[in-house]
Every structure is written in structure tokens, then in C-alpha cells.
Amino acid sequence: MNREEFIKLFHGDSGQWEGDNAMQGLKIIERYAPNHCVVGVGHDVIYSADVDELIDAGITRDDAEELRRLNWMIEDGSFLACFV
């Protein structure tokens, strides 16, 4: 998957989920960027791995779609982020 395809996946609506969507997303991200699961925090938001790092690590379309379903977003065109 390339950057354009990855970003396009995040233009859709999120889905329904149960439990802690932030933690579920971090568990997916950890598979591809174990040293960059959380790179920063803001008011009610956590920032995670860089999009290019995840793509270079081989993130699957299914995992990217799951992150979007869990209401993760791309912040500043570079980092995955999630409201908590």
C-alpha cells in the first residue's frame, strides 16, 4: 500500500466499536512501529506513529481499515492520532 492509498482510507467514516478504541488502535500500531506507539499527547488526543513509517513497515490494508473503524485519524498529514 502506498501513502496515497493509506490516506484515502482515512477519508471515510469511522465505524462502531466496543471497548477502548485508543488502546485497540495502539495494539495494531505496535505491530508495525513498536518504538513509536505514542509520540505525543494533547488535550484529549494521543499522537502515534508516522504514516510513512507504518507503510514502510508493511501495514496491511485490513489493519489500516481497522484503525479508521476505531476512529483513528491522520493529523497534520503525517501522524496517526486518536481522541481519548
C-alpha atoms as a PDB file:
ATOM      1  CA  MET A   1       0.000   0.000   0.000  1.00  0.00           C
ATOM      2  CA  ASN A   2       1.325   3.455  -0.808  1.00  0.00           C
ATOM      3  CA  ARG A   3       0.845   6.740   1.059  1.00  0.00           C
ATOM      4  CA  GLU A   4      -1.993   7.929  -1.193  1.00  0.00           C
ATOM      5  CA  GLU A   5      -3.966   4.690  -0.708  1.00  0.00           C
ATOM      6  CA  PHE A   6      -3.363   4.770   3.046  1.00  0.00           C
ATOM      7  CA  ILE A   7      -4.539   8.358   3.418  1.00  0.00           C
ATOM      8  CA  LYS A   8      -7.596   7.734   1.215  1.00  0.00           C
ATOM      9  CA  LEU A   9      -8.738   5.015   3.643  1.00  0.00           C
ATOM     10  CA  PHE A  10      -8.956   7.639   6.381  1.00  0.00           C
ATOM     11  CA  HIS A  11     -11.368   9.873   4.456  1.00  0.00           C
ATOM     12  CA  GLY A  12     -14.287   7.588   5.225  1.00  0.00           C
ATOM     13  CA  ASP A  13     -16.426   7.476   8.300  1.00  0.00           C
ATOM     14  CA  SER A  14     -15.408   5.537  11.351  1.00  0.00           C
ATOM     15  CA  GLY A  15     -17.431   2.534  12.398  1.00  0.00           C
ATOM     16  CA  GLN A  16     -18.860   1.082  15.553  1.00  0.00           C
ATOM     17  CA  TRP A  17     -16.597  -0.436  18.170  1.00  0.00           C
ATOM     18  CA  GLU A  18     -16.740  -1.714  21.722  1.00  0.00           C
ATOM     19  CA  GLY A  19     -14.178  -1.091  24.405  1.00  0.00           C
ATOM     20  CA  ASP A  20     -11.201   1.234  24.315  1.00  0.00           C
ATOM     21  CA  ASN A  21     -10.691   2.262  20.699  1.00  0.00           C
ATOM     22  CA  ALA A  22      -7.444   4.077  21.518  1.00  0.00           C
ATOM     23  CA  MET A  23      -5.874   1.001  23.115  1.00  0.00           C
ATOM     24  CA  GLN A  24      -7.129  -1.292  20.365  1.00  0.00           C
ATOM     25  CA  GLY A  25      -5.549   1.002  17.790  1.00  0.00           C
ATOM     26  CA  LEU A  26      -2.256   1.206  19.683  1.00  0.00           C
ATOM     27  CA  LYS A  27      -2.071  -2.579  19.707  1.00  0.00           C
ATOM     28  CA  ILE A  28      -2.340  -2.582  15.900  1.00  0.00           C
ATOM     29  CA  ILE A  29       0.233   0.197  15.552  1.00  0.00           C
ATOM     30  CA  GLU A  30       2.636  -1.580  17.904  1.00  0.00           C
ATOM     31  CA  ARG A  31       2.974  -4.415  15.370  1.00  0.00           C
ATOM     32  CA  TYR A  32       4.472  -2.000  12.843  1.00  0.00           C
ATOM     33  CA  ALA A  33       6.094   0.709  14.981  1.00  0.00           C
ATOM     34  CA  PRO A  34       6.859  -0.763  18.410  1.00  0.00           C
ATOM     35  CA  ASN A  35       9.057   2.152  19.432  1.00  0.00           C
ATOM     36  CA  HIS A  36       6.624   4.859  18.323  1.00  0.00           C
ATOM     37  CA  CYS A  37       3.196   3.833  19.583  1.00  0.00           C
ATOM     38  CA  VAL A  38       2.744   7.108  21.454  1.00  0.00           C
ATOM     39  CA  VAL A  39       4.851  10.035  20.303  1.00  0.00           C
ATOM     40  CA  GLY A  40       2.888  12.841  21.930  1.00  0.00           C
ATOM     41  CA  VAL A  41      -0.263  13.883  23.692  1.00  0.00           C
ATOM     42  CA  GLY A  42      -2.510  16.886  23.532  1.00  0.00           C
ATOM     43  CA  HIS A  43      -5.774  17.867  25.093  1.00  0.00           C
ATOM     44  CA  ASP A  44      -7.888  14.704  24.740  1.00  0.00           C
ATOM     45  CA  VAL A  45      -5.777  13.288  21.884  1.00  0.00           C
ATOM     46  CA  ILE A  46      -2.817  10.946  21.551  1.00  0.00           C
ATOM     47  CA  TYR A  47      -0.410  11.066  18.629  1.00  0.00           C
ATOM     48  CA  SER A  48       1.158   7.916  17.320  1.00  0.00           C
ATOM     49  CA  ALA A  49       3.439   6.662  14.559  1.00  0.00           C
ATOM     50  CA  ASP A  50       4.215   8.470  11.342  1.00  0.00           C
ATOM     51  CA  VAL A  51       2.164   7.306   8.350  1.00  0.00           C
ATOM     52  CA  ASP A  52       5.275   6.681   6.242  1.00  0.00           C
ATOM     53  CA  GLU A  53       6.828   4.563   8.993  1.00  0.00           C
ATOM     54  CA  LEU A  54       3.755   2.346   9.100  1.00  0.00           C
ATOM     55  CA  ILE A  55       3.671   1.998   5.324  1.00  0.00           C
ATOM     56  CA  ASP A  56       7.393   1.177   5.209  1.00  0.00           C
ATOM     57  CA  ALA A  57       6.830  -1.436   7.923  1.00  0.00           C
ATOM     58  CA  GLY A  58       4.176  -3.107   5.752  1.00  0.00           C
ATOM     59  CA  ILE A  59       0.903  -2.189   7.444  1.00  0.00           C
ATOM     60  CA  THR A  60      -1.881  -4.117   5.788  1.00  0.00           C
ATOM     61  CA  ARG A  61      -4.994  -2.618   4.240  1.00  0.00           C
ATOM     62  CA  ASP A  62      -7.068  -4.577   6.772  1.00  0.00           C
ATOM     63  CA  ASP A  63      -5.174  -3.062   9.711  1.00  0.00           C
ATOM     64  CA  ALA A  64      -5.423   0.445   8.250  1.00  0.00           C
ATOM     65  CA  GLU A  65      -9.164  -0.018   7.723  1.00  0.00           C
ATOM     66  CA  GLU A  66      -9.485  -1.285  11.287  1.00  0.00           C
ATOM     67  CA  LEU A  67      -7.724   1.820  12.613  1.00  0.00           C
ATOM     68  CA  ARG A  68     -10.185   4.013  10.721  1.00  0.00           C
ATOM     69  CA  ARG A  69     -13.112   1.966  12.000  1.00  0.00           C
ATOM     70  CA  LEU A  70     -11.760   2.582  15.517  1.00  0.00           C
ATOM     71  CA  ASN A  71     -11.939   6.350  14.846  1.00  0.00           C
ATOM     72  CA  TRP A  72      -8.224   6.946  14.344  1.00  0.00           C
ATOM     73  CA  MET A  73      -7.305   9.848  12.054  1.00  0.00           C
ATOM     74  CA  ILE A  74      -4.310  11.327  10.285  1.00  0.00           C
ATOM     75  CA  GLU A  75      -3.164  14.535  11.935  1.00  0.00           C
ATOM     76  CA  ASP A  76      -1.102  17.161  10.110  1.00  0.00           C
ATOM     77  CA  GLY A  77      -0.849  14.790   7.150  1.00  0.00           C
ATOM     78  CA  SER A  78       1.772  12.735   8.958  1.00  0.00           C
ATOM     79  CA  PHE A  79       0.811  11.118  12.251  1.00  0.00           C
ATOM     80  CA  LEU A  80      -1.974   8.834  13.348  1.00  0.00           C
ATOM     81  CA  ALA A  81      -3.995  10.307  16.182  1.00  0.00           C
ATOM     82  CA  CYS A  82      -6.977   9.336  18.281  1.00  0.00           C
ATOM     83  CA  PHE A  83      -9.269  11.233  20.645  1.00  0.00           C
ATOM     84  CA  VAL A  84      -9.389   9.728  24.117  1.00  0.00           C
END
